[in-house]
Amino acid sequence: MKLRQLRAELLRDLQEYEDAAAGEKMRTYIKSELPCLGVKRPQIRAISKRFVKDRGLDQETISTLAGEVFRTPQFRDERHAAIDLLAPFRKTMPSDVFPLLEEMIVLGAWWDLVDELAIHHVGPLLERHPEVLTPALERWADDENIWKRRTAILAQLQRKRGYDPALQIRLMAPSVERKEFWLRKAIGWALRQRSRKDPEWVRSVIDSELGARMSKLSRKEAVKYLSE
């Protein structure tokens, strides 16, 4: 089946759930240049999952399709669908999908897209291929692109195996004194999430020289569960 046909069918599936009023609210909320269909995120996930299953599409085809959809969407909802198309293959994606994720992050350049990619795609890829992703994310941590930096900081947010505290420090350190809200928030979020499993480590980070250089926002977010 040709990519053009697959793209048309995916858009048609999304348009079946279009909600113009919700779309306009969403466009305003996320400050999107693209129009929004107003399809709810759970619906997009379900549509994408069914789309892959019903057509029996393989990993390579899905990666190609996801890239094409993400690069030239008519609606922002298509970019979310492109990300979700990759979801069925999270546990088997090879490390060579990383350039596609990088392209999506750079093109997406906003929290609603970048966070999905960072947490649910880059993170699992790091867990399976640390030998490839670790040096790449360390480079991203000091990149001029703040969305690459944010991705690096959030990549271990839901890591189930092999959480690396030293790596987390290395990924946060280049951004602790940056002024951008998205970086300050990400640092606090990453530490706050980790405090659920390792509160003493998070306290030690906050009390360290690195913690002293963090913004008030990062520190406030980081200790939220500790104070509770």
Protein backbone atom coordinates (compact mmCIF):
# COMPACT_ATOMS: atom_id res chain seq x y z
CA MET A 1 0.00 0.00 0.00
CA LYS A 2 1.42 3.39 -0.99
CA LEU A 3 2.33 5.97 1.64
CA ARG A 4 0.01 8.53 0.06
CA GLN A 5 -2.93 6.19 0.48
CA LEU A 6 -1.96 5.34 4.05
CA ARG A 7 -1.68 9.02 4.92
CA ALA A 8 -5.10 9.75 3.46
CA GLU A 9 -6.66 6.88 5.38
CA LEU A 10 -5.07 7.96 8.65
CA LEU A 11 -6.34 11.52 8.22
CA ARG A 12 -9.80 10.22 7.37
CA ASP A 13 -9.82 8.12 10.54
CA LEU A 14 -8.88 11.18 12.60
CA GLN A 15 -11.49 13.38 10.93
CA GLU A 16 -14.24 10.97 12.00
CA TYR A 17 -13.66 12.25 15.55
CA GLU A 18 -13.27 15.91 14.67
CA ASP A 19 -14.60 18.45 17.18
CA ALA A 20 -14.19 21.93 15.73
CA ALA A 21 -14.87 23.77 18.98
CA ALA A 22 -12.43 21.60 20.92
CA GLY A 23 -9.92 22.01 18.12
CA GLU A 24 -10.02 25.78 18.35
CA LYS A 25 -9.58 25.68 22.12
CA MET A 26 -6.65 23.31 21.77
CA ARG A 27 -5.03 25.45 19.11
CA THR A 28 -5.21 28.46 21.41
CA TYR A 29 -4.00 26.52 24.46
CA ILE A 30 -0.91 25.07 22.82
CA LYS A 31 -0.33 28.11 20.59
CA SER A 32 -0.31 25.99 17.47
CA GLU A 33 0.30 27.45 14.04
CA LEU A 34 -1.41 24.40 12.58
CA PRO A 35 -5.18 23.98 12.91
CA CYS A 36 -6.37 21.26 15.28
CA LEU A 37 -9.13 18.76 14.61
CA GLY A 38 -9.86 18.56 18.32
CA VAL A 39 -9.49 14.79 18.58
CA LYS A 40 -8.82 13.80 22.18
CA ARG A 41 -5.46 12.17 22.95
CA PRO A 42 -6.94 8.80 24.03
CA GLN A 43 -8.85 8.70 20.76
CA ILE A 44 -5.73 9.44 18.74
CA ARG A 45 -3.86 6.66 20.54
CA ALA A 46 -6.70 4.21 19.86
CA ILE A 47 -6.98 5.26 16.22
CA SER A 48 -3.25 4.87 15.66
CA LYS A 49 -3.09 1.48 17.38
CA ARG A 50 -6.03 0.18 15.35
CA PHE A 51 -4.57 1.65 12.15
CA VAL A 52 -1.35 -0.35 12.55
CA LYS A 53 -3.09 -3.55 13.62
CA ASP A 54 -5.81 -3.59 10.96
CA ARG A 55 -3.33 -3.09 8.11
CA GLY A 56 -0.65 -5.41 9.44
CA LEU A 57 2.02 -2.79 8.84
CA ASP A 58 5.60 -3.64 9.71
CA GLN A 59 8.03 -1.56 11.72
CA GLU A 60 9.91 -0.16 8.73
CA THR A 61 6.75 0.97 6.95
CA ILE A 62 5.40 2.57 10.11
CA SER A 63 8.63 4.47 10.73
CA THR A 64 8.58 5.80 7.18
CA LEU A 65 4.90 6.71 7.41
CA ALA A 66 5.31 8.38 10.80
CA GLY A 67 8.13 10.52 9.47
CA GLU A 68 6.18 11.60 6.42
CA VAL A 69 3.07 12.48 8.42
CA PHE A 70 5.05 14.39 11.03
CA ARG A 71 6.96 16.45 8.44
CA THR A 72 3.99 17.70 6.43
CA PRO A 73 0.77 17.58 8.47
CA GLN A 74 -2.40 19.49 7.69
CA PHE A 75 -3.48 19.33 11.33
CA ARG A 76 -1.55 19.15 14.58
CA ASP A 77 -3.47 16.02 15.53
CA GLU A 78 -1.61 14.22 12.73
CA ARG A 79 1.68 14.83 14.50
CA HIS A 80 0.34 13.19 17.64
CA ALA A 81 -0.91 10.31 15.52
CA ALA A 82 2.51 9.97 13.89
CA ILE A 83 4.10 9.60 17.33
CA ASP A 84 1.47 7.08 18.39
CA LEU A 85 1.98 5.00 15.24
CA LEU A 86 5.38 4.07 16.65
CA ALA A 87 3.96 2.93 20.00
CA PRO A 88 3.30 -0.74 19.11
CA PHE A 89 6.99 -1.14 18.31
CA ARG A 90 8.46 0.56 21.38
CA LYS A 91 9.88 -2.68 22.75
CA THR A 92 11.49 -3.73 19.49
CA MET A 93 12.58 -0.50 17.79
CA PRO A 94 16.24 -0.62 16.76
CA SER A 95 18.57 2.18 17.77
CA ASP A 96 18.61 3.44 14.18
CA VAL A 97 15.15 4.96 14.75
CA PHE A 98 16.87 7.62 16.87
CA PRO A 99 17.49 10.04 13.94
CA LEU A 100 13.74 9.98 13.22
CA LEU A 101 12.95 10.81 16.84
CA GLU A 102 15.52 13.60 16.72
CA GLU A 103 13.89 15.04 13.61
CA MET A 104 10.46 14.92 15.25
CA ILE A 105 11.77 16.67 18.37
CA VAL A 106 13.40 19.46 16.36
CA LEU A 107 10.37 19.94 14.12
CA GLY A 108 7.84 19.60 16.96
CA ALA A 109 9.65 22.08 19.22
CA TRP A 110 6.85 22.31 21.79
CA TRP A 111 6.01 20.53 25.00
CA ASP A 112 2.96 18.54 23.85
CA LEU A 113 4.99 16.77 21.18
CA VAL A 114 8.47 16.76 22.67
CA ASP A 115 7.43 15.32 26.04
CA GLU A 116 5.62 12.40 24.40
CA LEU A 117 8.72 11.64 22.36
CA ALA A 118 11.14 12.12 25.25
CA ILE A 119 9.31 10.01 27.81
CA HIS A 120 7.61 7.32 25.73
CA HIS A 121 10.05 6.82 22.87
CA VAL A 122 13.52 8.17 23.62
CA GLY A 123 13.32 6.84 27.18
CA PRO A 124 12.54 3.23 26.23
CA LEU A 125 15.18 3.39 23.50
CA LEU A 126 17.73 4.50 26.10
CA GLU A 127 16.76 1.57 28.29
CA ARG A 128 17.31 -0.93 25.46
CA HIS A 129 20.28 0.69 23.75
CA PRO A 130 22.23 2.65 26.40
CA GLU A 131 25.49 2.23 24.50
CA VAL A 132 24.04 4.32 21.65
CA LEU A 133 21.64 6.65 23.43
CA THR A 134 23.81 7.61 26.42
CA PRO A 135 26.50 9.47 24.46
CA ALA A 136 23.88 10.96 22.15
CA LEU A 137 21.85 12.35 25.04
CA GLU A 138 24.96 13.68 26.73
CA ARG A 139 25.58 15.71 23.57
CA TRP A 140 21.96 16.84 23.56
CA ALA A 141 22.26 18.00 27.16
CA ASP A 142 24.60 20.75 25.98
CA ASP A 143 22.92 21.43 22.64
CA GLU A 144 21.79 24.89 21.52
CA ASN A 145 18.31 23.47 20.90
CA ILE A 146 16.39 23.67 24.18
CA TRP A 147 14.03 20.85 23.13
CA LYS A 148 16.94 18.47 22.74
CA ARG A 149 18.10 19.55 26.19
CA ARG A 150 14.62 19.00 27.63
CA THR A 151 14.45 15.57 26.02
CA ALA A 152 17.79 14.59 27.53
CA ILE A 153 16.65 15.70 31.00
CA LEU A 154 13.35 13.81 30.77
CA ALA A 155 14.60 10.65 29.06
CA GLN A 156 14.87 8.67 32.33
CA LEU A 157 11.58 9.95 33.74
CA GLN A 158 9.87 6.55 33.52
CA ARG A 159 12.91 4.33 33.21
CA LYS A 160 12.08 1.00 34.84
CA ARG A 161 15.44 -0.76 34.66
CA GLY A 162 18.93 0.56 35.07
CA TYR A 163 18.14 4.10 36.17
CA ASP A 164 21.48 5.89 36.17
CA PRO A 165 21.76 8.67 38.80
CA ALA A 166 25.17 9.79 37.56
CA LEU A 167 23.83 10.06 34.02
CA GLN A 168 20.87 12.09 35.25
CA ILE A 169 23.26 14.56 36.87
CA ARG A 170 25.23 14.85 33.63
CA LEU A 171 22.06 15.44 31.63
CA MET A 172 20.78 18.15 33.97
CA ALA A 173 24.01 19.95 34.84
CA PRO A 174 24.45 21.98 31.62
CA SER A 175 20.97 23.48 32.08
CA VAL A 176 20.74 24.23 35.80
CA GLU A 177 21.54 27.91 35.32
CA ARG A 178 19.67 28.39 32.08
CA LYS A 179 16.77 30.85 32.12
CA GLU A 180 14.33 28.95 29.91
CA PHE A 181 11.17 27.86 31.74
CA TRP A 182 11.02 24.56 29.84
CA LEU A 183 14.47 23.54 31.09
CA ARG A 184 13.91 24.65 34.68
CA LYS A 185 10.60 22.82 34.78
CA ALA A 186 12.11 19.68 33.27
CA ILE A 187 14.86 19.53 35.90
CA GLY A 188 12.34 19.83 38.71
CA TRP A 189 10.04 17.28 37.10
CA ALA A 190 12.83 14.74 36.62
CA LEU A 191 13.91 15.02 40.26
CA ARG A 192 10.36 15.04 41.60
CA GLN A 193 9.55 11.84 39.73
CA ARG A 194 12.70 10.15 40.99
CA SER A 195 11.92 11.17 44.57
CA ARG A 196 9.11 8.61 44.59
CA LYS A 197 11.68 5.79 44.48
CA ASP A 198 14.83 7.38 45.82
CA PRO A 199 14.01 10.37 48.05
CA GLU A 200 17.39 10.35 49.77
CA TRP A 201 19.23 10.69 46.50
CA VAL A 202 17.03 13.61 45.45
CA ARG A 203 17.64 15.30 48.81
CA SER A 204 21.38 14.87 48.29
CA VAL A 205 21.13 16.50 44.85
CA ILE A 206 19.15 19.44 46.22
CA ASP A 207 21.69 19.89 49.03
CA SER A 208 24.65 19.67 46.69
CA GLU A 209 26.54 22.41 44.87
CA LEU A 210 24.49 21.58 41.78
CA GLY A 211 21.28 22.03 43.73
CA ALA A 212 22.46 25.40 45.02
CA ARG A 213 22.76 26.61 41.44
CA MET A 214 19.27 25.45 40.44
CA SER A 215 16.46 27.91 39.93
CA LYS A 216 13.73 28.32 42.54
CA LEU A 217 11.30 26.69 40.12
CA SER A 218 13.48 23.57 39.71
CA ARG A 219 13.97 23.22 43.47
CA LYS A 220 10.30 23.79 44.24
CA GLU A 221 9.25 21.11 41.77
CA ALA A 222 11.93 18.71 42.93
CA VAL A 223 10.92 18.70 46.61
CA LYS A 224 7.16 18.61 46.08
CA TYR A 225 6.75 14.97 47.11
CA LEU A 226 9.48 15.23 49.74
CA SER A 227 7.64 18.00 51.54
CA GLU A 228 4.41 16.06 51.41
